[in-house]
Structure formats: structure tokens, C-alpha cells
Amino acid sequence: MKLFIPSLIVSFSVSMLTGTHVHAQTGKEPQIAFFERLSTLCGARFEGESIFPEDPGDAFRDQLLVATIKVCEEQKLDIPFQVGEDHSRTWVLTQTANGLQLKHDHRHADGTPDEVTLYGGTASEPGSHLSQSFPADAYTAELIPEAATNVWSITLSADGTQITYYLERHQKARFKAVLYRTN
């Protein structure tokens, strides 16, 4: 107990002085701790389904959703996101000087970029070592004006067996998928 209290005081002091938040257990900023936690799952495959919206006409409804943490570099993770037989999407998480960034890379079957690609944003809040939210950036607002208020969130369960991907627009739920680790 004596060791925990000083480390908590140091973490709190660093947070107060620098304006950054430090996770008490990892001693790291939450965005870095989140990225590193996902990195430890390199190669993991997650399968699941869309749980919102419940509209049967939604393109993701009744489709197998698969996310695989595939490319794991020091500052970047590529997570291909498959919807049924559609392999056109990849979530790209990058550690930048401005914080953790999420981009959605959309490609045609031949590998060329889609017209609507690389939209997303940079986490503006510290989040936690298990969850980060990414408000739409200026590029996204220009590329897809109706997505200017989007906030994407990725949450990892504490045991690393579940990923939840969530999208809000105008502060209302727009999409939610829950994926479970299969390997």
C-alpha cells in the first residue's frame, strides 16, 4: 500500500503540472496505453455483428463483421474490417504528435483508393487504456460534410476478448458493432 500511494501522487502531480493524464496502473498516458494494449493483440481476429441500427435494410445488418489486428508497427496499426464478403475497409490507428488518430482507409478490389477514404479524426480527450474516441477532423468535414459531427469510439474489454466499435452523429447513436476474439 505504501508504494501505491506515492505512485498515485506522482501520477496526479504529473497530470496537474503537464495537463496530461496518466493511468495509475500503467504509468502511461491513456492514448499510448490503449495503442500499446491493442498492439499486444497483433494477429488477433475478432468476429461479430452490428447491433445498431436494428433496421433490416442496413447494409451491415445480418453480415459477419471481422476485424483483424494485422499490421503492427511502432506508431501504426492496420486493422482490416470486413463486412460479409466486402474487404474494402481498414481502420488505421496512428500515434501522431497531436495524439492517437483513427482513419478509415477504403480501397477498391484492385487496391486503388476509394473516392471517400482516410476520413476519421484524432482523439481530443485522454480516454482510457481501454477506450478512445475520435471526433471528425477538418478533412472529414470537407470530404463528407454530413459527417462533420461524427465521433468514432473503439473500446476493448479488459480481458482483450471483445472490441466494440461505435459511431455517433449529432450526439446520437448511428452504428454499433460488437466483435469477439476468435483466436
C-alpha atoms as a PDB file:
ATOM      1  CA  MET A   1       0.000   0.000   0.000  1.00  0.00           C
ATOM      2  CA  LYS A   2       2.854   2.399   0.750  1.00  0.00           C
ATOM      3  CA  LEU A   3       4.201   2.003  -2.792  1.00  0.00           C
ATOM      4  CA  PHE A   4       0.831   2.583  -4.454  1.00  0.00           C
ATOM      5  CA  ILE A   5       0.049   5.896  -2.748  1.00  0.00           C
ATOM      6  CA  PRO A   6       3.292   7.661  -3.763  1.00  0.00           C
ATOM      7  CA  SER A   7       2.928   6.464  -7.361  1.00  0.00           C
ATOM      8  CA  LEU A   8      -0.641   7.761  -7.396  1.00  0.00           C
ATOM      9  CA  ILE A   9       0.540  11.108  -6.010  1.00  0.00           C
ATOM     10  CA  VAL A  10       3.296  11.291  -8.638  1.00  0.00           C
ATOM     11  CA  SER A  11       0.800  10.438 -11.392  1.00  0.00           C
ATOM     12  CA  PHE A  12      -1.614  13.072 -10.104  1.00  0.00           C
ATOM     13  CA  SER A  13       1.192  15.645  -9.809  1.00  0.00           C
ATOM     14  CA  VAL A  14       2.437  14.995 -13.343  1.00  0.00           C
ATOM     15  CA  SER A  15      -1.119  15.254 -14.596  1.00  0.00           C
ATOM     16  CA  MET A  16      -1.692  18.563 -12.817  1.00  0.00           C
ATOM     17  CA  LEU A  17       1.621  20.071 -13.967  1.00  0.00           C
ATOM     18  CA  THR A  18       1.605  18.942 -17.582  1.00  0.00           C
ATOM     19  CA  GLY A  19      -2.111  18.825 -18.310  1.00  0.00           C
ATOM     20  CA  THR A  20      -1.750  15.182 -19.337  1.00  0.00           C
ATOM     21  CA  HIS A  21      -3.479  12.239 -17.748  1.00  0.00           C
ATOM     22  CA  VAL A  22      -1.531   9.219 -16.579  1.00  0.00           C
ATOM     23  CA  HIS A  23      -3.061   5.810 -15.997  1.00  0.00           C
ATOM     24  CA  ALA A  24      -2.363   4.757 -12.379  1.00  0.00           C
ATOM     25  CA  GLN A  25      -1.536   1.121 -13.239  1.00  0.00           C
ATOM     26  CA  THR A  26       0.473   1.558 -16.454  1.00  0.00           C
ATOM     27  CA  GLY A  27       2.063   4.931 -15.632  1.00  0.00           C
ATOM     28  CA  LYS A  28       1.376   5.971 -19.245  1.00  0.00           C
ATOM     29  CA  GLU A  29      -0.913   8.421 -20.940  1.00  0.00           C
ATOM     30  CA  PRO A  30      -4.205   6.643 -21.779  1.00  0.00           C
ATOM     31  CA  GLN A  31      -3.858   7.059 -25.564  1.00  0.00           C
ATOM     32  CA  ILE A  32      -0.403   5.449 -25.508  1.00  0.00           C
ATOM     33  CA  ALA A  33      -1.561   2.709 -23.122  1.00  0.00           C
ATOM     34  CA  PHE A  34      -4.566   1.998 -25.411  1.00  0.00           C
ATOM     35  CA  PHE A  35      -2.363   1.778 -28.511  1.00  0.00           C
ATOM     36  CA  GLU A  36       0.123  -0.483 -26.740  1.00  0.00           C
ATOM     37  CA  ARG A  37      -2.696  -2.717 -25.454  1.00  0.00           C
ATOM     38  CA  LEU A  38      -4.057  -3.169 -28.979  1.00  0.00           C
ATOM     39  CA  SER A  39      -0.501  -3.824 -30.213  1.00  0.00           C
ATOM     40  CA  THR A  40      -0.208  -6.787 -27.838  1.00  0.00           C
ATOM     41  CA  LEU A  41      -3.147  -8.327 -29.721  1.00  0.00           C
ATOM     42  CA  CYS A  42      -1.340  -8.267 -33.077  1.00  0.00           C
ATOM     43  CA  GLY A  43      -2.682 -11.112 -35.199  1.00  0.00           C
ATOM     44  CA  ALA A  44      -5.896 -11.433 -33.203  1.00  0.00           C
ATOM     45  CA  ARG A  45      -9.120 -11.900 -35.159  1.00  0.00           C
ATOM     46  CA  PHE A  46     -12.454 -10.600 -33.887  1.00  0.00           C
ATOM     47  CA  GLU A  47     -15.843 -11.588 -35.321  1.00  0.00           C
ATOM     48  CA  GLY A  48     -19.278 -10.234 -34.563  1.00  0.00           C
ATOM     49  CA  GLU A  49     -22.212  -8.295 -35.838  1.00  0.00           C
ATOM     50  CA  SER A  50     -23.880  -4.930 -35.997  1.00  0.00           C
ATOM     51  CA  ILE A  51     -26.190  -4.433 -33.034  1.00  0.00           C
ATOM     52  CA  PHE A  52     -27.322  -0.926 -34.024  1.00  0.00           C
ATOM     53  CA  PRO A  53     -29.155   0.160 -36.063  1.00  0.00           C
ATOM     54  CA  GLU A  54     -31.709  -2.599 -35.992  1.00  0.00           C
ATOM     55  CA  ASP A  55     -33.087  -1.635 -39.424  1.00  0.00           C
ATOM     56  CA  PRO A  56     -33.169  -4.797 -41.594  1.00  0.00           C
ATOM     57  CA  GLY A  57     -32.318  -2.610 -44.619  1.00  0.00           C
ATOM     58  CA  ASP A  58     -28.979  -1.504 -43.145  1.00  0.00           C
ATOM     59  CA  ALA A  59     -26.058  -2.704 -45.302  1.00  0.00           C
ATOM     60  CA  PHE A  60     -24.174  -4.094 -42.277  1.00  0.00           C
ATOM     61  CA  ARG A  61     -27.198  -5.872 -40.805  1.00  0.00           C
ATOM     62  CA  ASP A  62     -27.002  -9.678 -40.809  1.00  0.00           C
ATOM     63  CA  GLN A  63     -23.426  -9.555 -42.145  1.00  0.00           C
ATOM     64  CA  LEU A  64     -20.475 -11.228 -40.452  1.00  0.00           C
ATOM     65  CA  LEU A  65     -18.140  -8.444 -39.306  1.00  0.00           C
ATOM     66  CA  VAL A  66     -14.449  -9.299 -38.932  1.00  0.00           C
ATOM     67  CA  ALA A  67     -11.607  -7.135 -37.618  1.00  0.00           C
ATOM     68  CA  THR A  68      -8.051  -8.481 -37.593  1.00  0.00           C
ATOM     69  CA  ILE A  69      -5.196  -6.595 -35.962  1.00  0.00           C
ATOM     70  CA  LYS A  70      -2.922  -7.240 -38.901  1.00  0.00           C
ATOM     71  CA  VAL A  71      -0.101  -4.725 -39.388  1.00  0.00           C
ATOM     72  CA  CYS A  72       1.589  -3.763 -36.137  1.00  0.00           C
ATOM     73  CA  GLU A  73       4.277  -1.123 -36.386  1.00  0.00           C
ATOM     74  CA  GLU A  74       5.780   1.067 -33.682  1.00  0.00           C
ATOM     75  CA  GLN A  75       3.487   4.022 -34.433  1.00  0.00           C
ATOM     76  CA  LYS A  76       0.749   2.425 -36.592  1.00  0.00           C
ATOM     77  CA  LEU A  77      -1.784  -0.409 -36.510  1.00  0.00           C
ATOM     78  CA  ASP A  78      -3.769  -1.547 -39.555  1.00  0.00           C
ATOM     79  CA  ILE A  79      -6.983  -3.353 -38.701  1.00  0.00           C
ATOM     80  CA  PRO A  80      -8.796  -4.624 -41.796  1.00  0.00           C
ATOM     81  CA  PHE A  81     -12.557  -4.539 -41.177  1.00  0.00           C
ATOM     82  CA  GLN A  82     -14.524  -6.976 -43.314  1.00  0.00           C
ATOM     83  CA  VAL A  83     -18.286  -6.706 -43.814  1.00  0.00           C
ATOM     84  CA  GLY A  84     -19.532 -10.002 -45.236  1.00  0.00           C
ATOM     85  CA  GLU A  85     -17.509 -10.531 -48.427  1.00  0.00           C
ATOM     86  CA  ASP A  86     -16.527  -6.831 -48.625  1.00  0.00           C
ATOM     87  CA  HIS A  87     -12.826  -6.420 -47.783  1.00  0.00           C
ATOM     88  CA  SER A  88     -12.616  -2.723 -48.728  1.00  0.00           C
ATOM     89  CA  ARG A  89     -12.188  -1.214 -45.245  1.00  0.00           C
ATOM     90  CA  THR A  90      -9.220  -0.827 -42.901  1.00  0.00           C
ATOM     91  CA  TRP A  91      -9.091   1.040 -39.611  1.00  0.00           C
ATOM     92  CA  VAL A  92      -5.713   2.757 -39.332  1.00  0.00           C
ATOM     93  CA  LEU A  93      -4.616   3.814 -35.840  1.00  0.00           C
ATOM     94  CA  THR A  94      -1.543   6.051 -35.768  1.00  0.00           C
ATOM     95  CA  GLN A  95       0.313   7.703 -32.910  1.00  0.00           C
ATOM     96  CA  THR A  96       0.935  11.292 -34.018  1.00  0.00           C
ATOM     97  CA  ALA A  97       2.363  14.373 -32.325  1.00  0.00           C
ATOM     98  CA  ASN A  98      -1.251  15.558 -31.871  1.00  0.00           C
ATOM     99  CA  GLY A  99      -2.471  12.321 -30.295  1.00  0.00           C
ATOM    100  CA  LEU A 100      -3.896   8.988 -31.357  1.00  0.00           C
ATOM    101  CA  GLN A 101      -5.529   9.163 -34.788  1.00  0.00           C
ATOM    102  CA  LEU A 102      -8.137   6.892 -36.393  1.00  0.00           C
ATOM    103  CA  LYS A 103      -8.571   6.882 -40.167  1.00  0.00           C
ATOM    104  CA  HIS A 104     -10.846   4.742 -42.310  1.00  0.00           C
ATOM    105  CA  ASP A 105      -8.975   3.572 -45.412  1.00  0.00           C
ATOM    106  CA  HIS A 106     -11.380   2.454 -48.143  1.00  0.00           C
ATOM    107  CA  ARG A 107      -9.990   0.656 -51.210  1.00  0.00           C
ATOM    108  CA  HIS A 108     -11.388  -0.904 -54.358  1.00  0.00           C
ATOM    109  CA  ALA A 109     -10.735  -4.591 -55.060  1.00  0.00           C
ATOM    110  CA  ASP A 110      -7.695  -3.632 -57.170  1.00  0.00           C
ATOM    111  CA  GLY A 111      -6.180  -1.722 -54.232  1.00  0.00           C
ATOM    112  CA  THR A 112      -6.795   1.789 -55.531  1.00  0.00           C
ATOM    113  CA  PRO A 113      -8.215   4.281 -53.021  1.00  0.00           C
ATOM    114  CA  ASP A 114     -11.955   4.899 -52.973  1.00  0.00           C
ATOM    115  CA  GLU A 115     -13.136   8.467 -53.562  1.00  0.00           C
ATOM    116  CA  VAL A 116     -14.246   8.563 -49.922  1.00  0.00           C
ATOM    117  CA  THR A 117     -11.271   7.416 -47.875  1.00  0.00           C
ATOM    118  CA  LEU A 118      -8.996   8.363 -44.991  1.00  0.00           C
ATOM    119  CA  TYR A 119     -11.739  10.061 -43.033  1.00  0.00           C
ATOM    120  CA  GLY A 120     -11.666   9.992 -39.239  1.00  0.00           C
ATOM    121  CA  GLY A 121     -10.123  12.083 -36.502  1.00  0.00           C
ATOM    122  CA  THR A 122      -7.698  12.417 -33.611  1.00  0.00           C
ATOM    123  CA  ALA A 123      -8.601  11.622 -30.014  1.00  0.00           C
ATOM    124  CA  SER A 124      -9.077  15.000 -28.347  1.00  0.00           C
ATOM    125  CA  GLU A 125      -9.690  13.657 -24.843  1.00  0.00           C
ATOM    126  CA  PRO A 126      -7.375  11.370 -22.886  1.00  0.00           C
ATOM    127  CA  GLY A 127      -9.867   8.488 -22.941  1.00  0.00           C
ATOM    128  CA  SER A 128      -8.645   5.399 -21.117  1.00  0.00           C
ATOM    129  CA  HIS A 129      -6.307   2.476 -21.670  1.00  0.00           C
ATOM    130  CA  LEU A 130      -9.368   0.509 -22.858  1.00  0.00           C
ATOM    131  CA  SER A 131     -11.344   3.108 -24.824  1.00  0.00           C
ATOM    132  CA  GLN A 132     -10.666   6.023 -27.149  1.00  0.00           C
ATOM    133  CA  SER A 133     -12.979   8.400 -29.032  1.00  0.00           C
ATOM    134  CA  PHE A 134     -12.131  10.183 -32.264  1.00  0.00           C
ATOM    135  CA  PRO A 135     -14.114  13.304 -33.269  1.00  0.00           C
ATOM    136  CA  ALA A 136     -14.232  14.026 -37.009  1.00  0.00           C
ATOM    137  CA  ASP A 137     -11.377  16.202 -38.225  1.00  0.00           C
ATOM    138  CA  ALA A 138     -11.478  19.072 -40.745  1.00  0.00           C
ATOM    139  CA  TYR A 139     -10.526  16.752 -43.643  1.00  0.00           C
ATOM    140  CA  THR A 140     -13.523  14.526 -42.821  1.00  0.00           C
ATOM    141  CA  ALA A 141     -15.876  17.522 -42.579  1.00  0.00           C
ATOM    142  CA  GLU A 142     -14.745  18.674 -46.030  1.00  0.00           C
ATOM    143  CA  LEU A 143     -14.844  15.197 -47.595  1.00  0.00           C
ATOM    144  CA  ILE A 144     -18.192  14.173 -46.034  1.00  0.00           C
ATOM    145  CA  PRO A 145     -19.977  17.313 -44.783  1.00  0.00           C
ATOM    146  CA  GLU A 146     -22.768  15.312 -43.099  1.00  0.00           C
ATOM    147  CA  ALA A 147     -20.087  13.519 -41.015  1.00  0.00           C
ATOM    148  CA  ALA A 148     -18.672  16.722 -39.508  1.00  0.00           C
ATOM    149  CA  THR A 149     -20.155  15.840 -36.091  1.00  0.00           C
ATOM    150  CA  ASN A 150     -19.118  12.182 -36.174  1.00  0.00           C
ATOM    151  CA  VAL A 151     -17.362  10.675 -33.181  1.00  0.00           C
ATOM    152  CA  TRP A 152     -15.974   7.161 -33.564  1.00  0.00           C
ATOM    153  CA  SER A 153     -15.119   5.121 -30.470  1.00  0.00           C
ATOM    154  CA  ILE A 154     -13.193   1.897 -30.093  1.00  0.00           C
ATOM    155  CA  THR A 155     -13.430   0.036 -26.791  1.00  0.00           C
ATOM    156  CA  LEU A 156     -11.505  -3.062 -25.794  1.00  0.00           C
ATOM    157  CA  SER A 157     -12.681  -5.326 -22.973  1.00  0.00           C
ATOM    158  CA  ALA A 158     -10.279  -5.639 -20.031  1.00  0.00           C
ATOM    159  CA  ASP A 159      -9.526  -9.270 -20.914  1.00  0.00           C
ATOM    160  CA  GLY A 160      -8.906  -8.454 -24.603  1.00  0.00           C
ATOM    161  CA  THR A 161     -11.672 -10.730 -25.879  1.00  0.00           C
ATOM    162  CA  GLN A 162     -14.086  -8.086 -27.204  1.00  0.00           C
ATOM    163  CA  ILE A 163     -13.904  -4.943 -29.321  1.00  0.00           C
ATOM    164  CA  THR A 164     -16.815  -2.534 -29.567  1.00  0.00           C
ATOM    165  CA  TYR A 165     -16.840  -0.076 -32.471  1.00  0.00           C
ATOM    166  CA  TYR A 166     -19.313   2.765 -32.035  1.00  0.00           C
ATOM    167  CA  LEU A 167     -20.266   5.787 -34.148  1.00  0.00           C
ATOM    168  CA  GLU A 168     -22.262   8.838 -33.107  1.00  0.00           C
ATOM    169  CA  ARG A 169     -23.508  11.623 -35.352  1.00  0.00           C
ATOM    170  CA  HIS A 170     -25.123  14.764 -33.904  1.00  0.00           C
ATOM    171  CA  GLN A 171     -24.609  13.150 -30.457  1.00  0.00           C
ATOM    172  CA  LYS A 172     -26.923  10.264 -31.393  1.00  0.00           C
ATOM    173  CA  ALA A 173     -26.069   6.620 -31.956  1.00  0.00           C
ATOM    174  CA  ARG A 174     -25.540   5.834 -35.636  1.00  0.00           C
ATOM    175  CA  PHE A 175     -23.748   2.461 -35.622  1.00  0.00           C
ATOM    176  CA  LYS A 176     -22.510  -0.078 -33.103  1.00  0.00           C
ATOM    177  CA  ALA A 177     -20.774  -3.403 -33.626  1.00  0.00           C
ATOM    178  CA  VAL A 178     -19.571  -5.886 -31.033  1.00  0.00           C
ATOM    179  CA  LEU A 179     -16.812  -8.283 -32.094  1.00  0.00           C
ATOM    180  CA  TYR A 180     -15.425 -11.247 -30.115  1.00  0.00           C
ATOM    181  CA  ARG A 181     -11.927 -12.673 -30.320  1.00  0.00           C
ATOM    182  CA  THR A 182     -11.773 -15.984 -32.185  1.00  0.00           C
ATOM    183  CA  ASN A 183      -8.063 -16.839 -31.804  1.00  0.00           C
END
